[in-house]
């Protein structure tokens, strides 16, 4: 059962640095960011989609931003390369552009009747610019950083590595509507339709190592279906081949199915309609975050957690690590919250909490540097209640130094900086306050325990501190000395015990928000 020829819809890769990804695809290559959204299975994953001026299927490159994912490895069972079509007469201009950007590239090389330039994106994904004679005009983008006569016209090819070339070819030819052409550079070549591009290269990589997904690799390649009926036809045909295929999934901009072809690569079939202007006009495409309707109520939480990006020409947020992985989100008010996560969290864990309790505050969220238990913490421990005192003191001092450096760089008022820590984050905040009370304007300690074996004698000078316990928290018996110590040090302490366990929730939000409003730090 052959299907009507349709071609490539989009590719989806994985990036570890969303801003570097934007700089490459939107600035260097001049593609339009046609949609900034989230993975429809994971609202914490930023999903960037690039294309031509109107987001036409066949021109679309998308990326999941997974900042903490390891670099992948190209190998068997994976799409390994993207070819992008440009006018043949623009190859010389592209050489000059890449040189002016300081990018390494290979070529020009003559291939398949035109010239090619080989380069890699910032994550190491191979991208080939393929010069095409009489390239289609396409739908250029007037605001592109690249002149219209040399803009990318769409996806020319993708390359798959497989150990089962016949079976992989069967799916392409009999299920996805591709016709086999003459071999090219030792690879089987398939094309959909008479137009240029829409080409799939299949490399026999027998004996090579298997692919490992991760940053710098392609997650999947999607092929076009005219409409849902066409897609269902493909679904049933693939099932007849004995392949496991998903049910039809609704993504808003298109419906899709996905399956692994016999060689192991993940394929998707996506409908052309309704397209990316479903919720935005052509002029509005990519300017702001769009969300599935069911997540609109959580917009503020989602927006503050996702990586921030700036398009070409837009102002950049200043960034510097100061030895700590962190996220800075400027606010409209004078208050700044230093957010310190619990064990196993990271710099995104408390961003939504911080935004809820102080909607106008700037947020400075920090990742702990200890990984001795396999996930981020702020200091080492020997067991659940025995802590490495040398490491604790060192990191407490280092955190205070970070705050001083960040104060000057980001320009917030340290007297209006409140350290807000949960669990392990509350404990490092307590230790840092103990040794450096002048580094902070206040503190919120959620589920703290006393981690210092010999806490120093400190003059906290009336520093406002909120301590919030959970009545059912199994660590509560170990928190008894926290408030007395702070009061002996001269802190102005408010203590609350909620009907809760160790986890924080809406009760904590309400108490913290009310306490912050009572301070004259805004």
Protein backbone atom coordinates (compact mmCIF):
# COMPACT_ATOMS: atom_id res chain seq x y z
CA UNK A 1 0.00 0.00 0.00
CA UNK A 2 1.88 3.05 -1.20
CA UNK A 3 0.90 6.50 -0.01
CA UNK A 4 0.76 9.80 -1.84
CA UNK A 5 4.12 11.53 -1.96
CA UNK A 6 4.45 14.30 0.58
CA UNK A 7 8.06 14.77 1.73
CA UNK A 8 9.79 16.07 4.85
CA UNK A 9 7.76 18.13 7.32
CA UNK A 10 10.38 19.05 9.95
CA UNK A 11 13.34 17.85 11.95
CA UNK A 12 13.66 18.06 15.73
CA UNK A 13 17.01 18.19 17.50
CA UNK A 14 18.29 18.70 21.04
CA UNK A 15 20.19 21.77 22.17
CA UNK A 16 21.98 22.36 25.43
CA UNK A 17 22.10 26.16 25.07
CA UNK A 18 18.94 27.83 23.84
CA UNK A 19 20.55 31.23 23.30
CA UNK A 20 23.45 29.79 21.28
CA UNK A 21 20.89 27.86 19.24
CA UNK A 22 18.99 31.09 18.49
CA UNK A 23 22.21 32.88 17.62
CA UNK A 24 23.08 30.21 15.06
CA UNK A 25 19.75 29.47 13.40
CA UNK A 26 18.10 32.91 13.63
CA UNK A 27 21.19 35.10 13.27
CA UNK A 28 23.86 33.19 11.33
CA UNK A 29 21.46 31.23 9.09
CA UNK A 30 18.77 33.92 9.08
CA UNK A 31 15.83 31.59 9.74
CA UNK A 32 12.70 32.94 11.33
CA UNK A 33 11.78 31.80 14.82
CA UNK A 34 8.20 30.92 13.93
CA UNK A 35 7.21 29.45 17.28
CA UNK A 36 8.53 29.49 20.82
CA UNK A 37 6.52 27.03 22.83
CA UNK A 38 7.02 24.01 25.11
CA UNK A 39 7.26 20.29 24.57
CA UNK A 40 3.63 19.18 24.70
CA UNK A 41 4.69 16.30 26.98
CA UNK A 42 6.83 18.46 29.26
CA UNK A 43 5.96 22.06 30.05
CA UNK A 44 9.44 22.68 31.51
CA UNK A 45 11.13 22.10 28.12
CA UNK A 46 11.44 25.09 25.80
CA UNK A 47 10.68 24.16 22.19
CA UNK A 48 12.08 26.44 19.48
CA UNK A 49 10.82 26.10 15.90
CA UNK A 50 12.48 27.86 12.95
CA UNK A 51 11.41 28.10 9.34
CA UNK A 52 10.76 30.41 6.42
CA UNK A 53 8.76 33.63 6.62
CA UNK A 54 5.47 31.79 7.13
CA UNK A 55 6.54 28.59 8.91
CA UNK A 56 5.89 26.38 5.90
CA UNK A 57 6.14 22.59 6.36
CA UNK A 58 9.34 21.42 4.70
CA UNK A 59 11.30 24.43 5.98
CA UNK A 60 10.97 23.70 9.71
CA UNK A 61 13.81 22.93 12.13
CA UNK A 62 12.84 22.53 15.76
CA UNK A 63 14.83 22.00 18.95
CA UNK A 64 14.11 20.89 22.49
CA UNK A 65 16.22 22.88 24.97
CA UNK A 66 17.63 20.41 27.50
CA UNK A 67 20.38 22.39 29.29
CA UNK A 68 21.56 19.60 31.60
CA UNK A 69 21.54 16.76 29.09
CA UNK A 70 24.80 15.06 28.14
CA UNK A 71 26.12 15.38 24.60
CA UNK A 72 24.80 12.62 22.35
CA UNK A 73 26.73 10.41 19.96
CA UNK A 74 25.96 9.93 16.28
CA UNK A 75 25.59 6.30 15.31
CA UNK A 76 23.39 3.53 13.98
CA UNK A 77 19.66 4.03 14.40
CA UNK A 78 19.57 7.80 14.07
CA UNK A 79 19.21 10.69 11.65
CA UNK A 80 22.65 12.28 11.70
CA UNK A 81 22.66 15.29 9.38
CA UNK A 82 20.47 18.07 7.98
CA UNK A 83 20.91 19.58 4.52
CA UNK A 84 19.47 23.06 3.95
CA UNK A 85 18.73 24.32 0.45
CA UNK A 86 20.14 27.69 -0.66
CA UNK A 87 20.47 29.20 -4.17
CA UNK A 88 23.61 27.90 -5.89
CA UNK A 89 24.61 31.46 -6.84
CA UNK A 90 24.63 32.42 -3.13
CA UNK A 91 27.32 29.92 -2.08
CA UNK A 92 30.08 32.52 -2.44
CA UNK A 93 28.14 34.97 -0.28
CA UNK A 94 27.62 32.23 2.31
CA UNK A 95 31.37 31.58 2.38
CA UNK A 96 31.95 35.25 3.14
CA UNK A 97 29.20 35.29 5.76
CA UNK A 98 30.55 32.29 7.62
CA UNK A 99 34.06 33.72 7.51
CA UNK A 100 32.80 37.04 8.87
CA UNK A 101 31.15 35.17 11.76
CA UNK A 102 34.36 33.31 12.55
CA UNK A 103 32.76 29.91 11.96
CA UNK A 104 34.69 26.84 10.83
CA UNK A 105 33.27 25.09 7.78
CA UNK A 106 34.24 22.70 5.04
CA UNK A 107 33.95 23.28 1.31
CA UNK A 108 32.74 24.43 -1.05
CA UNK A 109 32.47 20.84 -2.27
CA UNK A 110 30.73 19.77 -5.48
CA UNK A 111 27.91 17.30 -4.85
CA UNK A 112 24.72 16.25 -6.60
CA UNK A 113 25.01 19.00 -9.23
CA UNK A 114 25.71 21.85 -6.83
CA UNK A 115 28.12 23.15 -4.21
CA UNK A 116 27.90 22.37 -0.51
CA UNK A 117 29.28 23.94 2.66
CA UNK A 118 29.59 21.74 5.75
CA UNK A 119 29.43 23.16 9.26
CA UNK A 120 28.17 22.31 12.72
CA UNK A 121 25.74 24.14 14.96
CA UNK A 122 26.92 25.15 18.49
CA UNK A 123 25.96 21.72 19.86
CA UNK A 124 27.85 19.83 17.15
CA UNK A 125 24.92 18.86 14.91
CA UNK A 126 26.09 18.62 11.26
CA UNK A 127 24.37 21.15 8.99
CA UNK A 128 25.05 21.18 5.24
CA UNK A 129 24.23 24.18 3.05
CA UNK A 130 23.32 22.71 -0.33
CA UNK A 131 23.54 25.00 -3.35
CA UNK A 132 20.66 24.37 -5.75
CA UNK A 133 20.31 25.72 -9.31
CA UNK A 134 16.91 27.34 -9.88
CA UNK A 135 16.07 27.06 -6.18
CA UNK A 136 12.39 27.72 -5.43
CA UNK A 137 11.59 31.27 -4.37
CA UNK A 138 9.92 30.07 -1.19
CA UNK A 139 8.45 32.46 1.34
CA UNK A 140 11.31 34.74 2.38
CA UNK A 141 11.34 36.63 5.66
CA UNK A 142 11.71 40.37 5.28
CA UNK A 143 13.28 40.83 8.74
CA UNK A 144 15.91 38.11 8.30
CA UNK A 145 19.56 38.85 9.02
CA UNK A 146 20.29 37.26 5.62
CA UNK A 147 19.43 38.96 2.28
CA UNK A 148 16.41 37.44 0.52
CA UNK A 149 18.45 36.25 -2.47
CA UNK A 150 20.55 33.94 -0.28
CA UNK A 151 18.04 32.86 2.38
CA UNK A 152 17.52 29.17 3.19
CA UNK A 153 14.69 27.80 1.06
CA UNK A 154 13.94 24.69 3.10
CA UNK A 155 15.21 21.26 4.06
CA UNK A 156 17.10 19.64 1.19
CA UNK A 157 17.93 16.31 2.81
CA UNK A 158 18.34 14.29 5.96
CA UNK A 159 20.72 11.36 6.40
CA UNK A 160 19.92 8.18 8.32
CA UNK A 161 22.43 5.61 9.54
CA UNK A 162 21.09 2.05 9.60
CA UNK A 163 22.17 -1.57 9.60
CA UNK A 164 18.94 -2.57 7.82
CA UNK A 165 19.03 -0.62 4.58
CA UNK A 166 16.41 -2.72 2.77
CA UNK A 167 13.87 -2.49 5.60
CA UNK A 168 14.52 1.23 6.14
CA UNK A 169 14.15 1.78 2.40
CA UNK A 170 10.86 -0.14 2.39
CA UNK A 171 9.33 2.28 4.91
CA UNK A 172 10.50 5.27 2.89
CA UNK A 173 9.32 3.87 -0.42
CA UNK A 174 6.15 1.98 0.42
CA UNK A 175 4.85 3.90 3.42
CA UNK A 176 6.11 7.47 3.11
CA UNK A 177 5.96 7.90 -0.67
CA UNK A 178 9.67 8.25 -1.52
CA UNK A 179 11.18 7.03 -4.80
CA UNK A 180 14.62 5.47 -4.87
CA UNK A 181 17.13 7.30 -7.09
CA UNK A 182 20.71 6.47 -8.04
CA UNK A 183 23.07 6.01 -5.12
CA UNK A 184 25.06 9.09 -4.09
CA UNK A 185 28.41 9.00 -2.29
CA UNK A 186 27.85 5.35 -1.40
CA UNK A 187 24.43 6.00 0.13
CA UNK A 188 20.98 5.05 -1.03
CA UNK A 189 19.09 8.12 -2.15
CA UNK A 190 15.31 8.58 -1.92
CA UNK A 191 13.24 11.57 -3.02
CA UNK A 192 9.62 12.54 -2.68
CA UNK A 193 8.09 14.36 -5.66
CA UNK A 194 9.71 16.02 -8.63
CA UNK A 195 10.73 19.20 -6.81
CA UNK A 196 14.28 19.66 -5.52
CA UNK A 197 14.94 18.75 -1.93
CA UNK A 198 12.73 16.30 0.00
CA UNK A 199 15.62 13.85 -0.13
CA UNK A 200 16.54 11.13 2.33
CA UNK A 201 20.00 9.60 2.30
CA UNK A 202 20.36 6.13 3.85
CA UNK A 203 23.85 5.10 4.88
CA UNK A 204 24.69 1.46 5.55
CA UNK A 205 26.50 1.82 8.88
CA UNK A 206 26.72 -1.89 9.69
CA UNK A 207 29.20 -2.56 12.46
CA UNK A 208 29.31 1.05 13.62
CA UNK A 209 28.44 1.91 17.20
CA UNK A 210 24.80 2.57 18.12
CA UNK A 211 23.52 6.11 18.45
CA UNK A 212 23.14 7.75 21.82
CA UNK A 213 20.55 10.48 22.10
CA UNK A 214 21.48 13.79 23.68
CA UNK A 215 22.63 17.31 22.97
CA UNK A 216 23.80 17.80 19.39
CA UNK A 217 21.71 14.99 17.92
CA UNK A 218 18.42 14.74 16.04
CA UNK A 219 15.57 13.46 18.15
CA UNK A 220 13.35 12.64 15.15
CA UNK A 221 12.47 13.49 11.57
CA UNK A 222 8.86 14.21 10.63
CA UNK A 223 7.30 13.50 7.25
CA UNK A 224 4.30 15.27 5.77
CA UNK A 225 0.72 14.07 5.59
CA UNK A 226 -1.81 16.15 3.68
CA UNK A 227 -4.55 15.75 6.27
CA UNK A 228 -5.67 13.47 9.16
CA UNK A 229 -7.15 10.91 6.76
CA UNK A 230 -3.84 10.60 4.93
CA UNK A 231 -2.08 10.25 8.27
CA UNK A 232 -4.40 7.45 9.40
CA UNK A 233 -3.71 5.65 6.12
CA UNK A 234 0.02 5.77 6.89
CA UNK A 235 -0.62 4.62 10.46
CA UNK A 236 -2.48 1.51 9.33
CA UNK A 237 0.12 0.75 6.66
CA UNK A 238 2.97 0.94 9.16
CA UNK A 239 1.10 -1.36 11.52
CA UNK A 240 0.79 -3.91 8.70
CA UNK A 241 4.60 -3.97 8.63
CA UNK A 242 4.56 -5.08 12.27
CA UNK A 243 5.99 -1.80 13.59
CA UNK A 244 4.74 -0.31 16.83
CA UNK A 245 3.13 3.05 16.11
CA UNK A 246 1.58 5.63 18.42
CA UNK A 247 -1.99 6.78 18.33
CA UNK A 248 -2.67 10.12 16.64
CA UNK A 249 -1.46 12.94 18.90
CA UNK A 250 -2.76 16.49 18.88
CA UNK A 251 -0.07 19.18 18.92
CA UNK A 252 -2.30 22.12 18.10
CA UNK A 253 -0.38 23.14 14.98
CA UNK A 254 -0.53 19.62 13.53
CA UNK A 255 -1.54 16.08 14.36
CA UNK A 256 1.13 13.41 14.45
CA UNK A 257 1.97 9.76 14.84
CA UNK A 258 5.42 8.40 15.56
CA UNK A 259 7.20 5.08 15.22
CA UNK A 260 10.68 3.63 14.90
CA UNK A 261 11.61 2.40 11.46
CA UNK A 262 13.36 -1.00 11.32
CA UNK A 263 16.80 0.63 11.48
CA UNK A 264 15.96 2.23 14.82
CA UNK A 265 15.46 5.91 13.88
CA UNK A 266 12.44 7.69 15.34
CA UNK A 267 10.09 8.96 12.64
CA UNK A 268 7.04 11.14 12.91
CA UNK A 269 4.24 11.79 10.44
CA UNK A 270 2.71 15.26 10.80
CA UNK A 271 -0.19 16.94 9.07
CA UNK A 272 0.35 20.18 7.16
CA UNK A 273 -2.70 21.73 8.79
CA UNK A 274 -3.76 23.74 10.70
CA UNK A 275 -0.24 25.22 10.79
CA UNK A 276 1.51 27.78 12.97
CA UNK A 277 -0.93 30.61 12.35
CA UNK A 278 -3.54 28.72 14.38
CA UNK A 279 -3.03 31.04 17.36
CA UNK A 280 -0.88 33.82 15.83
CA UNK A 281 -0.95 35.88 12.67
CA UNK A 282 1.98 35.65 10.25
CA UNK A 283 3.26 38.96 11.62
CA UNK A 284 3.12 37.70 15.23
CA UNK A 285 4.89 34.38 14.68
CA UNK A 286 7.59 33.65 17.25
CA UNK A 287 7.40 36.93 19.15
CA UNK A 288 6.08 35.49 22.41
CA UNK A 289 5.63 32.17 24.18
CA UNK A 290 2.60 30.20 23.04
CA UNK A 291 1.19 27.44 25.23
CA UNK A 292 -1.34 24.65 24.86
CA UNK A 293 -4.70 25.91 26.19
CA UNK A 294 -4.63 23.53 29.15
CA UNK A 295 -1.45 25.19 30.43
CA UNK A 296 -2.45 28.83 30.03
CA UNK A 297 -3.41 29.06 33.71
CA UNK A 298 0.21 28.22 34.58
CA UNK A 299 1.74 30.73 32.18
CA UNK A 300 3.58 32.82 34.79
CA UNK A 301 5.13 29.71 36.40
CA UNK A 302 6.16 28.30 33.02
CA UNK A 303 7.57 31.55 31.66
CA UNK A 304 9.82 32.16 34.65
CA UNK A 305 11.21 28.61 34.53
CA UNK A 306 12.07 28.40 30.82
CA UNK A 307 15.47 29.61 29.53
CA UNK A 308 15.41 33.24 28.42
CA UNK A 309 16.32 33.94 24.81
CA UNK A 310 16.95 37.12 22.83
CA UNK A 311 16.42 37.29 19.08
CA UNK A 312 18.92 39.09 16.82
CA UNK A 313 18.85 42.80 17.59
CA UNK A 314 17.11 42.40 20.94
CA UNK A 315 18.75 43.46 24.21
CA UNK A 316 20.56 40.64 26.01
CA UNK A 317 20.34 39.92 29.69
CA UNK A 318 23.80 40.16 31.21
CA UNK A 319 25.24 36.79 32.17
CA UNK A 320 28.26 35.68 34.16
CA UNK A 321 28.56 32.55 36.27
CA UNK A 322 30.84 33.76 39.14
CA UNK A 323 31.61 30.08 39.74
CA UNK A 324 27.96 29.12 40.27
CA UNK A 325 25.36 27.93 37.79
CA UNK A 326 22.45 30.30 38.25
CA UNK A 327 19.51 32.02 36.63
CA UNK A 328 18.76 35.74 37.02
CA UNK A 329 15.27 37.00 36.16
CA UNK A 330 14.92 40.78 36.55
CA UNK A 331 11.73 42.07 38.15
CA UNK A 332 9.84 45.34 38.37
CA UNK A 333 10.32 46.01 42.09
CA UNK A 334 13.25 46.62 44.40
CA UNK A 335 13.12 43.24 46.17
CA UNK A 336 15.43 40.41 45.04
CA UNK A 337 14.97 36.79 46.13
CA UNK A 338 18.02 34.54 46.30
CA UNK A 339 16.46 31.12 45.64
CA UNK A 340 18.24 28.07 47.06
CA UNK A 341 16.78 24.69 46.11
CA UNK A 342 16.48 21.49 48.13
CA UNK A 343 18.44 18.27 47.56
CA UNK A 344 18.13 17.06 43.98
CA UNK A 345 16.74 20.36 42.69
CA UNK A 346 18.43 22.91 40.50
CA UNK A 347 18.32 26.59 39.61
CA UNK A 348 14.84 26.24 38.10
CA UNK A 349 13.18 24.45 41.01
CA UNK A 350 12.04 27.47 43.03
CA UNK A 351 11.54 30.01 40.24
CA UNK A 352 7.78 29.52 40.04
CA UNK A 353 7.51 29.58 43.87
CA UNK A 354 9.51 32.80 43.96
CA UNK A 355 7.32 34.40 41.30
CA UNK A 356 4.14 33.44 43.20
CA UNK A 357 5.25 34.82 46.56
CA UNK A 358 6.76 38.03 45.13
CA UNK A 359 5.35 38.78 41.65
CA UNK A 360 7.44 41.94 41.16
CA UNK A 361 10.72 40.74 42.66
CA UNK A 362 13.92 39.97 40.78
CA UNK A 363 14.87 36.31 41.11
CA UNK A 364 18.44 35.06 41.52
CA UNK A 365 18.28 31.27 41.59
CA UNK A 366 21.43 29.24 42.28
CA UNK A 367 22.39 25.60 41.75
CA UNK A 368 24.28 23.81 44.51
CA UNK A 369 27.80 22.71 43.62
CA UNK A 370 27.99 19.41 45.51
CA UNK A 371 27.25 16.31 43.44
CA UNK A 372 28.58 13.62 45.75
CA UNK A 373 25.13 11.98 45.90
CA UNK A 374 24.53 12.21 42.16
CA UNK A 375 22.30 15.29 42.17
CA UNK A 376 22.83 18.93 43.13
CA UNK A 377 23.20 19.86 46.81
CA UNK A 378 24.82 22.85 48.46
CA UNK A 379 27.26 20.90 50.64
CA UNK A 380 28.36 17.35 51.29
CA UNK A 381 26.94 15.14 53.99
CA UNK A 382 28.08 11.81 55.40
CA UNK A 383 24.55 10.58 56.13
CA UNK A 384 21.08 12.11 56.52
CA UNK A 385 22.03 14.10 59.61
CA UNK A 386 25.84 14.25 59.58
CA UNK A 387 27.33 17.04 57.51
CA UNK A 388 30.81 17.76 56.20
CA UNK A 389 31.57 20.83 58.30
CA UNK A 390 34.58 21.99 56.29
CA UNK A 391 32.63 21.82 53.04
CA UNK A 392 29.62 23.50 54.66
CA UNK A 393 31.63 26.47 55.90
CA UNK A 394 33.51 26.80 52.61
CA UNK A 395 30.31 26.82 50.53
CA UNK A 396 28.55 29.17 52.95
CA UNK A 397 31.35 31.70 52.52
CA UNK A 398 31.46 31.10 48.76
CA UNK A 399 27.73 31.78 48.50
CA UNK A 400 28.15 35.12 50.28
CA UNK A 401 30.97 36.04 47.88
CA UNK A 402 28.75 35.10 44.96
CA UNK A 403 26.03 37.39 46.30
CA UNK A 404 28.48 40.28 46.57
CA UNK A 405 29.72 39.70 42.99
CA UNK A 406 26.19 39.33 41.63
CA UNK A 407 25.08 42.49 43.41
CA UNK A 408 27.57 44.57 41.48
CA UNK A 409 27.01 42.80 38.17
CA UNK A 410 23.21 42.70 38.10
CA UNK A 411 22.79 45.98 39.97
CA UNK A 412 20.33 45.00 42.69
CA UNK A 413 20.32 46.36 46.25
CA UNK A 414 21.88 43.88 48.67
CA UNK A 415 19.95 45.44 51.56
CA UNK A 416 16.79 44.31 49.77
CA UNK A 417 18.04 40.82 48.99
CA UNK A 418 16.19 38.02 50.80
CA UNK A 419 17.69 34.53 50.79
CA UNK A 420 14.85 32.04 50.33
CA UNK A 421 15.94 28.45 50.83
CA UNK A 422 14.15 25.14 51.07
CA UNK A 423 15.53 22.12 52.94
CA UNK A 424 19.20 21.81 51.91
CA UNK A 425 18.91 25.33 50.47
CA UNK A 426 17.55 26.63 53.77
CA UNK A 427 20.47 25.02 55.56
CA UNK A 428 23.11 26.67 53.36
CA UNK A 429 21.25 29.97 53.77
CA UNK A 430 21.36 29.57 57.56
CA UNK A 431 25.07 28.77 57.49
CA UNK A 432 25.83 31.67 55.15
CA UNK A 433 23.85 34.04 57.37
CA UNK A 434 25.70 32.76 60.41
CA UNK A 435 29.10 33.67 58.96
CA UNK A 436 28.09 36.57 56.72
CA UNK A 437 24.98 38.31 58.11
CA UNK A 438 25.82 41.56 56.31
CA UNK A 439 25.52 39.84 52.89
CA UNK A 440 21.73 39.68 53.08
CA UNK A 441 18.73 41.87 53.81
CA UNK A 442 16.63 39.01 55.19
CA UNK A 443 15.96 35.30 54.90
CA UNK A 444 13.17 32.75 54.50
CA UNK A 445 14.09 29.30 55.78
CA UNK A 446 11.66 26.56 54.73
CA UNK A 447 12.11 23.25 56.65
CA UNK A 448 15.59 24.02 58.02
CA UNK A 449 17.62 22.00 60.53
CA UNK A 450 20.71 23.07 62.42
CA UNK A 451 23.59 21.80 60.30
CA UNK A 452 26.43 23.69 62.02
CA UNK A 453 28.05 21.73 64.81
CA UNK A 454 29.65 24.87 66.24
CA UNK A 455 27.64 27.87 64.98
CA UNK A 456 29.56 31.13 65.35
CA UNK A 457 28.61 33.97 67.67
CA UNK A 458 27.16 36.52 65.24
CA UNK A 459 25.53 39.92 65.42
CA UNK A 460 22.65 39.73 62.94
CA UNK A 461 21.64 43.29 63.78
CA UNK A 462 17.87 42.82 63.61
CA UNK A 463 17.92 40.92 60.30
CA UNK A 464 14.34 39.80 59.48
CA UNK A 465 14.04 36.03 59.19
CA UNK A 466 11.02 33.82 58.56
CA UNK A 467 11.32 30.16 59.62
CA UNK A 468 8.62 27.77 58.42
CA UNK A 469 8.36 24.20 59.73
CA UNK A 470 6.07 21.30 58.79
CA UNK A 471 4.34 19.65 61.74
CA UNK A 472 4.61 16.21 60.07
CA UNK A 473 8.15 16.82 58.79
CA UNK A 474 10.33 13.89 59.94
CA UNK A 475 13.25 16.35 60.27
CA UNK A 476 11.33 18.68 62.61
CA UNK A 477 12.94 17.21 65.78
CA UNK A 478 16.32 18.34 64.43
CA UNK A 479 15.18 21.93 63.84
CA UNK A 480 14.66 22.92 67.48
CA UNK A 481 17.86 24.93 67.85
CA UNK A 482 17.47 27.00 64.65
CA UNK A 483 15.21 29.77 65.96
CA UNK A 484 16.91 30.11 69.39
CA UNK A 485 20.27 30.48 67.65
CA UNK A 486 18.98 33.16 65.30
CA UNK A 487 17.38 35.09 68.15
CA UNK A 488 20.56 34.91 70.24
CA UNK A 489 22.33 36.38 67.19
CA UNK A 490 19.97 39.35 67.18
CA UNK A 491 17.76 38.39 64.24
CA UNK A 492 14.09 39.39 64.22
CA UNK A 493 12.54 35.96 63.76
CA UNK A 494 9.00 34.96 62.90
CA UNK A 495 8.40 31.23 63.30
CA UNK A 496 5.51 29.35 61.71
CA UNK A 497 4.62 25.65 61.99
CA UNK A 498 2.21 24.49 59.32
CA UNK A 499 0.08 21.39 59.14
CA UNK A 500 2.39 19.92 56.49
CA UNK A 501 5.25 17.53 55.93
CA UNK A 502 8.70 18.20 54.51
CA UNK A 503 7.40 19.25 51.09
CA UNK A 504 6.36 22.86 50.59
CA UNK A 505 3.01 23.87 49.14
CA UNK A 506 0.27 26.49 48.99
CA UNK A 507 0.34 27.09 52.75
CA UNK A 508 3.99 28.02 52.50
CA UNK A 509 3.30 30.31 49.55
CA UNK A 510 0.64 32.19 51.49
CA UNK A 511 2.77 32.60 54.62
CA UNK A 512 5.89 33.67 52.71
CA UNK A 513 3.98 36.11 50.49
CA UNK A 514 2.34 37.76 53.50
CA UNK A 515 5.65 38.03 55.37
CA UNK A 516 7.45 39.52 52.37
CA UNK A 517 4.70 42.11 51.98
CA UNK A 518 5.18 43.09 55.61
CA UNK A 519 8.83 44.00 55.00
CA UNK A 520 9.82 47.43 53.80
CA UNK A 521 12.10 45.97 51.14
CA UNK A 522 9.95 46.40 48.02
